[in-house]
Protein backbone atom coordinates (compact mmCIF):
# COMPACT_ATOMS: atom_id res chain seq x y z
CA MET A 1 0.00 0.00 0.00
CA LYS A 2 2.84 2.39 0.87
CA THR A 3 4.48 1.63 -2.45
CA LEU A 4 1.21 2.32 -4.24
CA MET A 5 0.71 5.59 -2.34
CA LYS A 6 4.25 6.67 -3.16
CA SER A 7 3.65 5.86 -6.82
CA VAL A 8 0.42 7.86 -6.85
CA ALA A 9 2.11 10.79 -5.09
CA LEU A 10 5.01 10.66 -7.53
CA GLY A 11 2.61 10.58 -10.44
CA VAL A 12 0.75 13.64 -9.15
CA THR A 13 4.03 15.48 -8.62
CA VAL A 14 5.30 14.62 -12.11
CA ALA A 15 1.98 15.64 -13.64
CA ALA A 16 2.04 18.94 -11.76
CA LEU A 17 5.60 19.62 -12.86
CA ALA A 18 4.73 18.76 -16.44
CA ALA A 19 1.73 21.10 -16.35
CA GLY A 20 3.90 23.85 -14.90
CA ALA A 21 6.54 23.34 -17.56
CA ALA A 22 3.91 23.37 -20.30
CA SER A 23 2.39 26.60 -19.04
CA ALA A 24 5.77 28.28 -18.72
CA GLN A 25 6.35 28.51 -22.46
CA THR A 26 4.08 31.39 -23.43
CA LEU A 27 6.84 33.67 -24.70
CA ALA A 28 8.34 30.87 -26.78
CA GLN A 29 4.91 29.98 -28.16
CA VAL A 30 4.17 33.59 -29.08
CA LYS A 31 7.52 33.93 -30.84
CA ALA A 32 7.03 30.67 -32.74
CA ARG A 33 3.48 31.63 -33.75
CA GLY A 34 4.58 35.07 -34.84
CA THR A 35 1.59 36.82 -33.27
CA LEU A 36 0.34 37.79 -29.83
CA GLN A 37 -3.23 36.70 -29.06
CA CYS A 38 -4.79 39.44 -26.96
CA GLY A 39 -8.16 39.12 -25.25
CA SER A 40 -10.01 42.43 -25.68
CA ASN A 41 -13.33 44.09 -24.99
CA THR A 42 -16.18 43.64 -27.43
CA GLY A 43 -16.35 47.41 -27.78
CA LEU A 44 -15.54 50.02 -25.13
CA ALA A 45 -14.58 53.44 -26.47
CA GLY A 46 -11.18 54.60 -25.28
CA PHE A 47 -10.14 51.19 -23.98
CA GLY A 48 -10.80 48.54 -26.61
CA GLN A 49 -12.94 48.92 -29.70
CA PRO A 50 -12.78 47.96 -33.39
CA ASP A 51 -14.04 50.31 -36.10
CA ALA A 52 -16.08 49.28 -39.15
CA GLN A 53 -12.88 48.18 -40.91
CA GLY A 54 -11.75 46.06 -37.96
CA ASN A 55 -9.04 48.47 -36.79
CA TRP A 56 -8.70 48.34 -33.01
CA THR A 57 -8.02 51.34 -30.79
CA GLY A 58 -7.91 51.97 -27.04
CA LEU A 59 -5.74 52.03 -23.94
CA ASP A 60 -5.95 48.25 -23.43
CA VAL A 61 -5.35 47.71 -27.14
CA ASP A 62 -2.21 49.84 -27.09
CA PHE A 63 -0.94 47.84 -24.14
CA CYS A 64 -1.03 44.69 -26.26
CA ARG A 65 0.59 46.54 -29.13
CA ALA A 66 3.36 47.54 -26.72
CA VAL A 67 3.89 43.88 -25.75
CA SER A 68 4.04 42.98 -29.45
CA ALA A 69 6.56 45.77 -30.07
CA ALA A 70 8.76 44.51 -27.23
CA ILE A 71 8.75 40.97 -28.63
CA PHE A 72 8.70 41.47 -32.41
CA ASN A 73 9.78 45.10 -32.89
CA ASP A 74 6.39 45.37 -34.58
CA PRO A 75 3.20 46.58 -32.83
CA THR A 76 0.92 45.09 -35.48
CA LYS A 77 1.62 41.43 -34.77
CA VAL A 78 -1.41 41.14 -32.52
CA LYS A 79 -4.64 39.22 -33.00
CA PHE A 80 -7.37 40.90 -30.97
CA VAL A 81 -10.01 38.49 -29.66
CA PRO A 82 -13.23 40.26 -28.55
CA LEU A 83 -14.52 38.71 -25.33
CA SER A 84 -17.57 39.33 -23.17
CA ALA A 85 -17.21 39.54 -19.40
CA LYS A 86 -18.40 35.95 -18.90
CA ASP A 87 -16.18 34.52 -21.68
CA ARG A 88 -12.91 36.24 -20.82
CA PHE A 89 -11.64 33.89 -18.11
CA PRO A 90 -12.42 30.59 -19.93
CA ALA A 91 -10.66 31.98 -23.01
CA LEU A 92 -7.55 32.74 -20.98
CA GLN A 93 -7.59 29.41 -19.14
CA SER A 94 -8.01 27.39 -22.34
CA GLY A 95 -5.07 29.09 -24.07
CA GLU A 96 -7.21 30.80 -26.70
CA ILE A 97 -5.46 34.03 -25.71
CA ASP A 98 -1.99 34.74 -24.33
CA VAL A 99 -2.98 37.75 -22.25
CA LEU A 100 -6.25 39.36 -21.24
CA SER A 101 -6.15 43.15 -21.61
CA ARG A 102 -9.77 44.07 -21.09
CA ASN A 103 -10.82 46.40 -18.21
CA THR A 104 -10.68 43.56 -15.68
CA THR A 105 -10.62 44.26 -11.94
CA TRP A 106 -7.84 42.76 -9.84
CA THR A 107 -9.50 40.86 -6.97
CA MET A 108 -8.28 38.23 -4.53
CA SER A 109 -10.45 35.44 -5.94
CA ARG A 110 -9.30 36.14 -9.50
CA ASP A 111 -5.70 36.39 -8.39
CA ALA A 112 -6.04 32.91 -6.87
CA ALA A 113 -6.91 31.47 -10.29
CA PHE A 114 -4.75 33.63 -12.58
CA GLU A 115 -1.88 36.08 -12.44
CA PHE A 116 -2.43 39.82 -12.56
CA GLY A 117 0.02 42.34 -13.90
CA PRO A 118 0.44 45.95 -12.76
CA VAL A 119 -2.54 48.30 -12.64
CA VAL A 120 -2.75 49.96 -16.04
CA TYR A 121 -5.79 52.03 -15.07
CA TYR A 122 -7.09 52.84 -11.59
CA ASP A 123 -10.87 52.96 -11.77
CA GLY A 124 -13.94 52.86 -9.54
CA GLN A 125 -17.61 52.05 -9.95
CA GLY A 126 -20.08 54.86 -10.44
CA PHE A 127 -23.61 55.65 -11.63
CA LEU A 128 -25.00 57.26 -14.78
CA VAL A 129 -28.43 58.93 -14.53
CA ARG A 130 -30.67 61.20 -16.58
CA LYS A 131 -30.31 64.90 -15.80
CA LYS A 132 -34.11 65.31 -15.79
CA MET A 133 -34.25 63.14 -12.64
CA LYS A 134 -32.46 66.00 -10.84
CA ILE A 135 -30.33 63.57 -8.84
CA GLY A 136 -27.03 64.95 -7.61
CA SER A 137 -25.83 62.06 -5.48
CA ALA A 138 -25.97 58.27 -5.37
CA MET A 139 -27.52 58.70 -1.92
CA GLU A 140 -30.72 59.72 -3.73
CA LEU A 141 -31.02 56.40 -5.58
CA SER A 142 -32.99 54.52 -2.93
CA GLY A 143 -35.69 52.44 -4.64
CA ALA A 144 -34.11 52.86 -8.06
CA SER A 145 -33.80 50.17 -10.72
CA ILE A 146 -30.20 49.83 -11.86
CA CYS A 147 -28.93 48.33 -15.11
CA VAL A 148 -25.73 46.28 -14.78
CA GLN A 149 -23.71 43.81 -16.80
CA GLN A 150 -23.62 40.17 -15.68
CA GLY A 151 -20.34 38.44 -14.82
CA THR A 152 -18.69 41.51 -13.30
CA THR A 153 -18.00 42.83 -9.79
CA THR A 154 -20.72 45.45 -10.28
CA GLU A 155 -23.62 43.65 -8.58
CA LEU A 156 -21.65 42.85 -5.43
CA ASN A 157 -20.43 46.43 -5.13
CA ILE A 158 -23.98 47.73 -5.45
CA ALA A 159 -25.23 45.26 -2.85
CA ASP A 160 -22.51 46.34 -0.41
CA TYR A 161 -23.11 50.05 -1.01
CA PHE A 162 -26.91 50.01 -0.75
CA ARG A 163 -26.91 47.69 2.26
CA SER A 164 -24.47 49.94 4.12
CA LYS A 165 -26.76 52.92 3.43
CA ASN A 166 -29.99 51.02 4.29
CA MET A 167 -31.28 51.77 0.79
CA LYS A 168 -33.47 49.60 -1.44
CA TYR A 169 -32.79 48.93 -5.13
CA GLU A 170 -33.62 46.61 -8.02
CA ILE A 171 -31.02 45.03 -10.32
CA VAL A 172 -31.75 44.70 -14.03
CA ALA A 173 -28.92 42.55 -15.45
CA PHE A 174 -27.83 41.89 -19.03
CA ALA A 175 -25.17 39.67 -20.55
CA ALA A 176 -23.26 42.31 -22.53
CA LEU A 177 -22.24 45.88 -21.77
CA ASP A 178 -23.71 47.13 -25.05
CA GLU A 179 -27.02 45.47 -24.21
CA THR A 180 -26.93 47.04 -20.74
CA SER A 181 -26.29 50.49 -22.18
CA LYS A 182 -29.12 50.17 -24.69
CA ALA A 183 -31.52 49.03 -21.96
CA TYR A 184 -30.69 52.08 -19.87
CA ASP A 185 -31.03 54.39 -22.87
CA SER A 186 -34.47 52.96 -23.66
CA GLY A 187 -35.68 53.67 -20.12
CA ARG A 188 -35.74 50.14 -18.71
CA CYS A 189 -33.97 51.32 -15.57
CA ASP A 190 -33.37 54.52 -13.61
CA ALA A 191 -29.59 54.30 -13.47
CA PHE A 192 -26.69 52.54 -15.17
CA SER A 193 -23.83 51.34 -12.98
CA ALA A 194 -20.37 50.23 -14.15
CA ASP A 195 -16.77 51.31 -13.84
CA ALA A 196 -16.64 55.08 -14.26
CA SER A 197 -14.42 54.68 -17.32
CA ALA A 198 -17.10 52.55 -18.99
CA LEU A 199 -19.79 55.06 -18.08
CA TYR A 200 -17.89 57.93 -19.71
CA ALA A 201 -17.41 55.79 -22.81
CA ASP A 202 -20.98 54.50 -23.04
CA ARG A 203 -22.47 57.93 -22.39
CA LEU A 204 -21.13 58.94 -25.82
CA ARG A 205 -23.17 56.16 -27.45
CA LEU A 206 -26.50 57.20 -25.97
CA ALA A 207 -29.10 58.85 -28.19
CA ASN A 208 -28.62 62.19 -26.38
CA PRO A 209 -25.35 62.10 -24.40
CA ASP A 210 -25.82 65.60 -22.95
CA ASP A 211 -29.04 64.47 -21.24
CA HIS A 212 -27.07 62.20 -18.89
CA VAL A 213 -24.54 62.74 -16.12
CA VAL A 214 -22.11 60.58 -14.16
CA LEU A 215 -22.72 61.07 -10.43
CA PRO A 216 -19.74 62.13 -8.30
CA GLU A 217 -19.65 59.10 -5.99
CA ILE A 218 -17.16 56.30 -6.62
CA ILE A 219 -18.31 53.30 -4.57
CA SER A 220 -15.48 50.84 -5.14
CA LYS A 221 -11.82 50.33 -5.95
CA GLU A 222 -11.39 48.89 -9.44
CA PRO A 223 -7.71 48.39 -10.26
CA LEU A 224 -7.70 47.32 -13.91
CA GLY A 225 -4.84 45.49 -15.54
CA PRO A 226 -3.71 42.56 -17.70
CA MET A 227 -4.04 38.90 -16.71
CA TRP A 228 -2.22 35.74 -17.72
CA ARG A 229 -2.14 32.08 -16.73
CA GLN A 230 -0.37 30.96 -13.59
CA GLY A 231 2.95 29.11 -13.70
CA ASP A 232 4.79 31.30 -16.20
CA SER A 233 6.91 33.87 -14.39
CA GLN A 234 8.91 34.78 -17.51
CA TRP A 235 5.75 35.73 -19.40
CA GLY A 236 4.62 37.64 -16.34
CA ASP A 237 7.86 39.63 -16.40
CA VAL A 238 7.28 40.54 -20.05
CA ILE A 239 3.74 41.75 -19.28
CA LYS A 240 4.70 43.68 -16.15
CA TRP A 241 7.79 45.35 -17.53
CA THR A 242 5.97 46.47 -20.67
CA HIS A 243 3.84 48.73 -18.49
CA TYR A 244 6.78 49.72 -16.29
CA ALA A 245 8.82 50.70 -19.35
CA MET A 246 6.05 53.03 -20.53
CA LEU A 247 5.77 54.62 -17.08
CA THR A 248 9.52 55.02 -16.72
CA ALA A 249 9.76 56.59 -20.16
CA GLU A 250 7.16 59.20 -19.21
CA GLU A 251 8.92 59.91 -15.94
CA LEU A 252 12.24 60.40 -17.75
CA GLY A 253 10.67 62.58 -20.44
CA ILE A 254 11.23 60.04 -23.21
CA ASN A 255 8.54 59.85 -25.90
CA GLN A 256 8.00 58.72 -29.48
CA ALA A 257 9.34 61.98 -30.88
CA ASN A 258 12.63 62.08 -28.96
CA VAL A 259 13.46 58.45 -28.24
CA ASP A 260 16.02 58.23 -31.06
CA GLU A 261 17.82 61.31 -29.74
CA GLN A 262 17.67 59.86 -26.21
CA LEU A 263 19.78 56.91 -27.40
CA LYS A 264 22.71 59.31 -27.16
CA SER A 265 21.98 60.15 -23.52
CA THR A 266 24.71 59.56 -20.93
CA ALA A 267 22.21 59.43 -18.04
CA PRO A 268 22.50 55.97 -16.41
CA ASP A 269 18.75 55.46 -15.95
CA VAL A 270 18.07 56.38 -19.59
CA LYS A 271 20.85 54.11 -20.84
CA ARG A 272 19.51 51.16 -18.83
CA LEU A 273 15.95 51.71 -20.05
CA LEU A 274 16.86 52.05 -23.72
CA GLY A 275 19.34 49.18 -23.69
CA THR A 276 22.56 51.06 -24.42
CA GLU A 277 23.84 49.79 -21.08
CA GLY A 278 23.22 46.42 -19.44
CA ASN A 279 21.26 43.38 -20.60
CA PHE A 280 18.00 43.85 -18.73
CA GLY A 281 15.74 42.89 -21.63
CA GLU A 282 17.71 39.73 -22.27
CA GLN A 283 17.13 38.67 -18.66
CA ILE A 284 13.41 38.25 -19.39
CA GLY A 285 13.75 36.69 -22.84
CA LEU A 286 13.65 39.89 -24.90
CA THR A 287 16.31 42.03 -26.61
CA LYS A 288 18.44 44.80 -25.16
CA ASP A 289 16.35 47.41 -26.94
CA TRP A 290 12.98 46.03 -25.77
CA ALA A 291 11.90 49.30 -24.11
CA TYR A 292 13.13 51.40 -27.04
CA ARG A 293 10.87 49.31 -29.29
CA ILE A 294 7.86 49.97 -27.06
CA ILE A 295 8.41 53.73 -26.91
CA LYS A 296 9.27 54.06 -30.60
CA HIS A 297 6.24 52.16 -31.85
CA VAL A 298 3.60 52.89 -29.19
CA GLY A 299 4.77 55.73 -26.92
CA ASN A 300 5.07 56.30 -23.20
CA TYR A 301 2.17 55.85 -20.78
CA GLY A 302 1.18 59.52 -20.82
CA GLU A 303 1.02 59.60 -24.62
CA VAL A 304 -1.13 56.48 -24.75
CA PHE A 305 -3.41 57.73 -21.94
CA GLU A 306 -4.03 61.16 -23.43
CA LYS A 307 -4.62 59.80 -26.94
CA ASN A 308 -7.17 57.18 -25.90
CA VAL A 309 -9.00 58.45 -22.82
CA GLY A 310 -7.43 61.77 -21.81
CA GLN A 311 -7.66 65.34 -23.06
CA ASN A 312 -6.83 64.40 -26.65
CA SER A 313 -9.74 61.96 -26.78
CA ARG A 314 -13.53 62.23 -26.84
CA LEU A 315 -13.71 60.96 -23.25
CA LYS A 316 -11.46 63.70 -21.83
CA ILE A 317 -10.85 61.86 -18.55
CA ALA A 318 -8.43 63.69 -16.24
CA ARG A 319 -5.26 61.83 -15.25
CA GLY A 320 -6.18 62.04 -11.55
CA VAL A 321 -5.00 58.95 -9.70
CA ASN A 322 -3.58 57.63 -12.96
CA GLY A 323 -0.95 60.34 -12.92
CA LEU A 324 2.67 59.53 -12.15
CA TRP A 325 3.61 59.07 -8.50
CA ASN A 326 5.74 62.24 -8.54
CA LYS A 327 2.77 64.26 -9.81
CA GLY A 328 0.24 63.18 -7.20
CA GLY A 329 -0.92 59.98 -8.90
CA LEU A 330 -0.60 56.26 -8.17
CA GLN A 331 1.31 55.12 -11.25
CA PHE A 332 4.72 53.93 -10.10
CA ALA A 333 7.32 51.73 -11.75
CA PRO A 334 10.16 49.79 -10.09
CA PRO A 335 13.60 50.85 -11.36
CA VAL A 336 15.35 49.22 -14.31
CA ARG A 337 18.49 48.25 -12.44
């Protein structure tokens, strides 16, 4: 019996090691395939959305393009896979996608099943209402019907908020964000609740955007960032340091326009970032100029933010907590050293 138990235990251990080894080859698989498979939103302005010709734009989209640039020196070698909230995790687990870059909140339960990268966008849940209701605060929503998307953290956050305020409410849930937005616009509910970033984006798609307002309250912490499968620390390093490179570039004043000139810099931190000193990219399976590739092809974090969701976009979201740490925000990158 002991021999049998030892054999079973050994078999489980070998199987676990084999599974770990198999899952630790994402970078090699991406290189061999020649494309990065990126799980994206089905259509969220500013974050991930295809146009009529199938051209994708958005903050989350540009993150995947930055990963592609780091690996291939080409930001176009990405296949964007549109995924609903309920389909995103099975697609990642099955290997259909290499990374999920789709306004997904970092939570403990999700972190137990997958790996999360750095927070690309700090968000929080809010409420969208019609101006004619003359509501100035979420505290005035007692008894309201609220449209939400299924398969998200939204319902739990609402339950916690309304229970803590001894307020009543009714949930009206839909499978897709677009369906939820249309239901709110048609009058099927009094308010629409989602991450504030999604509310700003979806407000633009309503029949009369100026007739609606996002209330000031933020009722949750929604740190949004990329996800990948567990057991592949090298791939995790590639994902994490893509974001960190973009943050560091902004902090150092390096952008798409001046990155070639910055190659001549004698500043140690610039030299390490751009690969003219050290072998930091090679340590995670990339090239010495991995960060240069990202900045040259995609830009630094500030450029990507402003273009997609900031003042140079239709959303015009202020940097706020998504500003750099030395400018009052939360975005902070470990040093390239």
